[in-house]
Amino acid sequence: MKSAWSMFKSGKKTGRHVLTFGECLKEAWKDERGSYDKAMKMFQLFNLNKQQCESRDAKRNVDTCSMAFMANALTNYYANNRYNGD
């Protein structure tokens, strides 16, 4: 509504014809629909990209392993808190 009023007050013209308030309303709604459609397309692209990244990460995901099985070996290797040349 605000953009329609600003169009009407500025005396927007198409060719030689000055737009009426009704025509300004139609133009304003057309602009708003266009910006909404553009925003929805961007949102859909964002969601598609997000889903692709999640599926890619799920394929790459490897179960984390624990180093607990090496606890005794590491304890023996670093016995007496000294450097063993690794």
Protein backbone atom coordinates (compact mmCIF):
# COMPACT_ATOMS: atom_id res chain seq x y z
CA MET A 1 0.00 0.00 0.00
CA LYS A 2 2.86 2.34 0.87
CA SER A 3 4.59 1.80 -2.46
CA ALA A 4 1.28 2.32 -4.28
CA TRP A 5 0.80 5.66 -2.56
CA SER A 6 4.37 6.72 -3.34
CA MET A 7 3.84 5.79 -7.01
CA PHE A 8 0.57 7.69 -7.11
CA LYS A 9 1.94 10.80 -5.38
CA SER A 10 5.00 10.91 -7.62
CA GLY A 11 2.75 10.74 -10.68
CA LYS A 12 4.22 7.62 -12.26
CA LYS A 13 3.70 7.55 -15.98
CA THR A 14 3.57 4.84 -18.61
CA GLY A 15 4.16 6.62 -21.85
CA ARG A 16 1.93 9.72 -21.72
CA HIS A 17 -0.60 8.16 -19.37
CA VAL A 18 -0.43 9.03 -15.67
CA LEU A 19 -1.38 6.00 -13.59
CA THR A 20 -4.51 6.08 -11.46
CA PHE A 21 -4.39 4.89 -7.87
CA GLY A 22 -5.94 1.55 -8.86
CA GLU A 23 -3.26 1.02 -11.48
CA CYS A 24 -0.58 1.96 -8.93
CA LEU A 25 -2.04 -0.67 -6.58
CA LYS A 26 -1.83 -3.29 -9.32
CA GLU A 27 1.79 -2.36 -10.02
CA ALA A 28 2.68 -2.47 -6.33
CA TRP A 29 1.08 -5.91 -5.89
CA LYS A 30 2.86 -7.18 -9.00
CA ASP A 31 6.19 -5.99 -7.56
CA GLU A 32 5.46 -7.62 -4.19
CA ARG A 33 4.49 -10.93 -5.81
CA GLY A 34 7.71 -10.85 -7.80
CA SER A 35 9.83 -10.24 -4.71
CA TYR A 36 7.95 -12.99 -2.82
CA ASP A 37 8.49 -15.45 -5.66
CA LYS A 38 12.18 -14.56 -5.77
CA ALA A 39 12.49 -15.05 -2.00
CA MET A 40 10.72 -18.43 -2.19
CA LYS A 41 13.05 -19.60 -4.98
CA MET A 42 16.06 -18.60 -2.90
CA PHE A 43 14.61 -20.42 0.12
CA GLN A 44 14.02 -23.56 -1.94
CA LEU A 45 17.57 -23.41 -3.33
CA PHE A 46 18.90 -22.99 0.19
CA ASN A 47 16.96 -26.03 1.42
CA LEU A 48 18.06 -28.09 -1.59
CA ASN A 49 21.68 -27.16 -0.96
CA LYS A 50 21.28 -27.98 2.74
CA GLN A 51 19.82 -31.41 1.93
CA GLN A 52 22.60 -32.15 -0.54
CA CYS A 53 25.24 -31.19 2.02
CA GLU A 54 23.60 -33.35 4.69
CA SER A 55 23.40 -36.37 2.38
CA ARG A 56 27.01 -35.86 1.29
CA ASP A 57 28.14 -35.61 4.90
CA ALA A 58 26.13 -38.70 5.81
CA LYS A 59 27.92 -40.67 3.08
CA ARG A 60 31.30 -39.46 4.30
CA ASN A 61 30.54 -40.07 7.96
CA VAL A 62 32.75 -42.73 9.44
CA ASP A 63 32.03 -44.10 12.88
CA THR A 64 34.36 -42.64 15.42
CA CYS A 65 36.73 -45.10 16.95
CA SER A 66 38.00 -45.22 20.48
CA MET A 67 41.64 -45.32 21.44
CA ALA A 68 40.82 -47.36 24.54
CA PHE A 69 42.18 -50.52 22.91
CA MET A 70 45.61 -48.89 22.85
CA ALA A 71 45.56 -47.69 26.47
CA ASN A 72 47.92 -50.41 27.73
CA ALA A 73 50.31 -49.98 24.81
CA LEU A 74 50.47 -46.22 25.25
CA THR A 75 50.92 -46.52 28.99
CA ASN A 76 53.81 -48.92 28.51
CA TYR A 77 55.35 -46.84 25.72
CA TYR A 78 55.36 -43.65 27.76
CA ALA A 79 56.30 -45.32 31.03
CA ASN A 80 58.12 -43.24 33.62
CA ASN A 81 57.08 -40.02 31.80
CA ARG A 82 60.12 -39.93 29.56
CA TYR A 83 60.63 -39.19 25.88
CA ASN A 84 61.10 -42.30 23.74
CA GLY A 85 62.16 -40.67 20.47
CA ASP A 86 58.93 -40.62 18.52
